[in-house]
Amino acid sequence: MGFESGRDLAAIGAHIERHWGPVHEVFHEIESDYVHIDVHVVRATPERPYHVLVTSGMSDRPMKVPEGAEECGYAELLLALPQNWPVDHASFDDERNYWPVRQLKRTARFPHLYESWLWVGHTVTNGDPPEPFASNVGFCGGLLSSPVLCHKDAWCLAISPEKQIQFLSLIPVYLEELLFAWKVGADALIKRLNEIGVTELVVKDRRNVCEGQ
């Protein structure tokens, strides 16, 4: 585990429960490199008809941020899944169900593995060249953004004056959308996604906003 896991885990868990609801299950890593990434599952309710998945462990160690962005040095990731998405251990044996968890963990480890950082507007790919996350989806990358399905108070958890954990959403994107973001800029892609109501809630067959470009 990261050197601060024991100290911050309770605070992160309390933050999740305060803003999204009771954590029903935590998917723990068996083996970890660099940081120990777990995924907390807040199951759907009638009032909130989608599951919320939030990482812990990414913020155990600081990311390597550029000068002037020190407040962005610690982060955790989240996304939401439709209420009919199976989120139990047995169903996660099928990659078609498990890929959101895999991508959360993979992305959370990315900045520590490559001595980099992740922030709003940054993109990550599933391999080089990018490949679909699973056989039933066309997404092959992720876009980091600010969560919109929660209050802004959920975006940040103050551990200490020196450590502020930022909660970022991971939005799955298509290859054409990745290429558009790289060419024109992530802000332009985020604007297009906002126009059709894309949020951190995964919609497997959503429209590709850059198809044909």
Protein backbone atom coordinates (compact mmCIF):
# COMPACT_ATOMS: atom_id res chain seq x y z
CA MET A 1 0.00 0.00 0.00
CA GLY A 2 0.96 3.63 -0.32
CA PHE A 3 2.50 5.18 2.75
CA GLU A 4 -0.64 7.14 3.66
CA SER A 5 -3.29 4.49 2.96
CA GLY A 6 -4.20 3.76 6.57
CA ARG A 7 -4.50 7.41 7.51
CA ASP A 8 -6.68 8.59 4.63
CA LEU A 9 -8.85 5.58 3.87
CA ALA A 10 -11.39 6.32 6.62
CA ALA A 11 -11.62 9.96 5.52
CA ILE A 12 -12.15 8.97 1.89
CA GLY A 13 -14.79 6.41 2.87
CA ALA A 14 -16.64 8.98 4.96
CA HIS A 15 -16.48 11.48 2.09
CA ILE A 16 -17.98 8.94 -0.30
CA GLU A 17 -20.81 8.08 2.08
CA ARG A 18 -21.51 11.74 2.80
CA HIS A 19 -21.90 12.71 -0.85
CA TRP A 20 -23.00 9.54 -2.68
CA GLY A 21 -24.37 7.15 -0.10
CA PRO A 22 -23.48 4.00 1.86
CA VAL A 23 -20.64 1.93 0.43
CA HIS A 24 -22.02 -1.55 -0.13
CA GLU A 25 -18.81 -3.20 -1.22
CA VAL A 26 -15.15 -2.48 -1.80
CA PHE A 27 -13.29 -4.33 -4.53
CA HIS A 28 -9.80 -4.75 -3.12
CA GLU A 29 -6.68 -5.34 -5.13
CA ILE A 30 -4.84 -8.58 -4.47
CA GLU A 31 -1.52 -7.36 -5.85
CA SER A 32 -0.54 -3.72 -6.28
CA ASP A 33 2.21 -1.76 -8.00
CA TYR A 34 3.12 1.77 -6.86
CA VAL A 35 -0.20 2.34 -5.11
CA HIS A 36 -2.97 0.08 -3.83
CA ILE A 37 -6.16 0.94 -5.72
CA ASP A 38 -9.54 -0.14 -4.36
CA VAL A 39 -12.95 0.62 -5.86
CA HIS A 40 -15.84 1.54 -3.58
CA VAL A 41 -19.32 0.66 -4.88
CA VAL A 42 -22.33 2.74 -3.87
CA ARG A 43 -25.31 0.85 -5.21
CA ALA A 44 -28.25 2.49 -6.99
CA THR A 45 -31.30 3.59 -5.04
CA PRO A 46 -34.78 4.71 -6.15
CA GLU A 47 -33.71 8.31 -5.52
CA ARG A 48 -30.37 7.85 -7.34
CA PRO A 49 -30.99 5.29 -10.10
CA TYR A 50 -27.35 4.53 -10.86
CA HIS A 51 -24.37 2.95 -9.14
CA VAL A 52 -21.38 5.13 -8.24
CA LEU A 53 -17.85 3.69 -8.29
CA VAL A 54 -15.09 5.66 -6.56
CA THR A 55 -11.41 4.82 -6.19
CA SER A 56 -9.24 5.07 -3.12
CA GLY A 57 -5.47 4.77 -3.12
CA MET A 58 -4.62 7.00 -6.06
CA SER A 59 -4.14 9.82 -3.58
CA ASP A 60 -1.82 7.81 -1.34
CA ARG A 61 1.10 9.40 -3.16
CA PRO A 62 1.35 12.81 -4.80
CA MET A 63 1.32 13.11 -8.56
CA LYS A 64 4.16 14.92 -10.29
CA VAL A 65 2.40 18.20 -11.06
CA PRO A 66 3.90 21.22 -12.83
CA GLU A 67 4.96 24.23 -10.82
CA GLY A 68 1.97 26.30 -9.79
CA ALA A 69 -0.45 23.35 -9.76
CA GLU A 70 0.45 21.99 -6.34
CA GLU A 71 -3.22 22.00 -5.27
CA CYS A 72 -3.83 19.40 -8.01
CA GLY A 73 -1.31 16.91 -6.67
CA TYR A 74 -3.76 14.41 -5.17
CA ALA A 75 -6.79 12.87 -6.87
CA GLU A 76 -9.28 10.02 -6.89
CA LEU A 77 -11.51 8.94 -9.77
CA LEU A 78 -15.17 8.05 -10.14
CA LEU A 79 -17.81 7.08 -12.65
CA ALA A 80 -21.42 5.94 -12.54
CA LEU A 81 -23.12 2.88 -14.01
CA PRO A 82 -26.81 2.32 -14.91
CA GLN A 83 -28.82 0.62 -12.19
CA ASN A 84 -29.22 -2.52 -14.32
CA TRP A 85 -25.45 -2.91 -14.64
CA PRO A 86 -24.36 -5.99 -12.62
CA VAL A 87 -21.82 -4.97 -9.97
CA ASP A 88 -21.25 -8.26 -8.14
CA HIS A 89 -18.13 -10.42 -8.09
CA ALA A 90 -19.56 -13.14 -10.31
CA SER A 91 -20.64 -10.69 -13.01
CA PHE A 92 -17.23 -9.01 -12.94
CA ASP A 93 -15.69 -12.25 -14.20
CA ASP A 94 -17.04 -11.07 -17.56
CA GLU A 95 -14.95 -8.25 -19.03
CA ARG A 96 -18.07 -6.79 -20.64
CA ASN A 97 -19.22 -5.95 -17.10
CA TYR A 98 -15.85 -5.40 -15.45
CA TRP A 99 -14.15 -2.95 -17.83
CA PRO A 100 -15.28 0.22 -15.97
CA VAL A 101 -13.57 -1.05 -12.81
CA ARG A 102 -10.46 -2.05 -14.74
CA GLN A 103 -10.22 1.37 -16.36
CA LEU A 104 -10.68 3.19 -13.06
CA LYS A 105 -7.84 1.19 -11.53
CA ARG A 106 -5.63 1.47 -14.58
CA THR A 107 -6.13 5.22 -14.87
CA ALA A 108 -5.63 5.76 -11.13
CA ARG A 109 -2.24 4.05 -11.35
CA PHE A 110 -1.19 5.90 -14.53
CA PRO A 111 0.34 9.08 -13.01
CA HIS A 112 2.41 7.09 -10.52
CA LEU A 113 3.60 4.61 -13.11
CA TYR A 114 4.69 7.33 -15.53
CA GLU A 115 5.64 10.04 -13.01
CA SER A 116 3.01 12.34 -14.47
CA TRP A 117 -0.33 13.79 -13.40
CA LEU A 118 -3.99 13.73 -14.38
CA TRP A 119 -6.39 16.64 -14.35
CA VAL A 120 -9.58 17.92 -16.01
CA GLY A 121 -9.16 17.74 -19.78
CA HIS A 122 -6.44 15.09 -19.74
CA THR A 123 -6.99 11.91 -21.74
CA VAL A 124 -5.79 8.34 -21.34
CA THR A 125 -5.87 5.53 -23.89
CA ASN A 126 -6.38 1.80 -23.71
CA GLY A 127 -3.10 0.78 -25.28
CA ASP A 128 -1.17 2.14 -28.25
CA PRO A 129 -2.89 2.07 -30.64
CA PRO A 130 -6.05 2.40 -28.53
CA GLU A 131 -8.26 -0.69 -28.41
CA PRO A 132 -11.88 -1.05 -27.21
CA PHE A 133 -12.28 -1.69 -23.51
CA ALA A 134 -14.42 -4.77 -24.17
CA SER A 135 -16.17 -6.60 -27.00
CA ASN A 136 -19.50 -4.85 -26.34
CA VAL A 137 -18.31 -1.21 -26.38
CA GLY A 138 -16.51 1.10 -28.78
CA PHE A 139 -14.84 3.20 -26.10
CA CYS A 140 -11.06 3.00 -26.17
CA GLY A 141 -9.99 5.90 -23.96
CA GLY A 142 -10.98 8.12 -21.10
CA LEU A 143 -11.42 11.85 -20.57
CA LEU A 144 -10.97 13.39 -17.12
CA SER A 145 -13.61 15.93 -16.14
CA SER A 146 -15.43 17.40 -13.15
CA PRO A 147 -18.33 15.31 -11.81
CA VAL A 148 -21.76 16.75 -12.55
CA LEU A 149 -24.07 14.24 -10.84
CA CYS A 150 -23.14 15.48 -7.38
CA HIS A 151 -22.82 18.72 -5.48
CA LYS A 152 -19.57 20.66 -5.93
CA ASP A 153 -18.80 20.02 -2.26
CA ALA A 154 -18.00 16.44 -3.32
CA TRP A 155 -15.23 17.55 -5.67
CA CYS A 156 -12.63 18.05 -2.96
CA LEU A 157 -11.70 16.45 0.36
CA ALA A 158 -9.36 18.40 2.63
CA ILE A 159 -7.08 16.01 4.47
CA SER A 160 -4.74 18.73 5.69
CA PRO A 161 -3.65 22.21 4.58
CA GLU A 162 -1.02 20.51 2.43
CA LYS A 163 -3.24 17.76 1.04
CA GLN A 164 -6.46 18.37 -0.85
CA ILE A 165 -7.86 15.31 -2.67
CA GLN A 166 -9.66 16.21 -5.89
CA PHE A 167 -12.38 13.84 -7.17
CA LEU A 168 -12.42 13.65 -10.97
CA SER A 169 -14.81 11.82 -13.26
CA LEU A 170 -13.56 9.37 -15.88
CA ILE A 171 -15.67 9.62 -19.04
CA PRO A 172 -15.21 6.81 -21.60
CA VAL A 173 -14.61 8.14 -25.13
CA TYR A 174 -14.33 6.83 -28.68
CA LEU A 175 -11.20 6.92 -30.84
CA GLU A 176 -12.54 9.78 -32.98
CA GLU A 177 -13.20 11.77 -29.83
CA LEU A 178 -9.67 11.18 -28.58
CA LEU A 179 -8.22 12.32 -31.90
CA PHE A 180 -10.45 15.41 -31.84
CA ALA A 181 -9.30 16.30 -28.32
CA TRP A 182 -5.66 15.90 -29.31
CA LYS A 183 -6.08 18.03 -32.42
CA VAL A 184 -8.54 20.73 -31.36
CA GLY A 185 -8.33 20.56 -27.56
CA ALA A 186 -10.10 18.85 -24.70
CA ASP A 187 -12.28 21.90 -23.99
CA ALA A 188 -13.82 21.57 -27.44
CA LEU A 189 -14.56 17.89 -26.84
CA ILE A 190 -16.04 18.58 -23.41
CA LYS A 191 -18.29 21.21 -24.97
CA ARG A 192 -19.60 18.71 -27.54
CA LEU A 193 -20.17 16.08 -24.87
CA ASN A 194 -22.01 18.61 -22.69
CA GLU A 195 -24.27 19.50 -25.61
CA ILE A 196 -25.67 15.96 -25.73
CA GLY A 197 -25.81 15.58 -21.95
CA VAL A 198 -22.85 13.25 -21.39
CA THR A 199 -21.93 12.93 -17.71
CA GLU A 200 -19.93 10.47 -15.63
CA LEU A 201 -22.86 8.03 -16.07
CA VAL A 202 -21.69 5.43 -18.59
CA VAL A 203 -24.01 4.93 -21.57
CA LYS A 204 -22.57 2.09 -23.62
CA ASP A 205 -24.19 3.04 -26.92
CA ARG A 206 -24.14 6.82 -26.64
CA ARG A 207 -23.58 8.90 -29.77
CA ASN A 208 -20.03 9.48 -30.92
CA VAL A 209 -19.84 13.29 -31.07
CA CYS A 210 -16.89 13.20 -33.49
CA GLU A 211 -17.97 10.38 -35.79
CA GLY A 212 -16.86 10.91 -39.37
CA GLN A 213 -14.26 13.52 -38.47
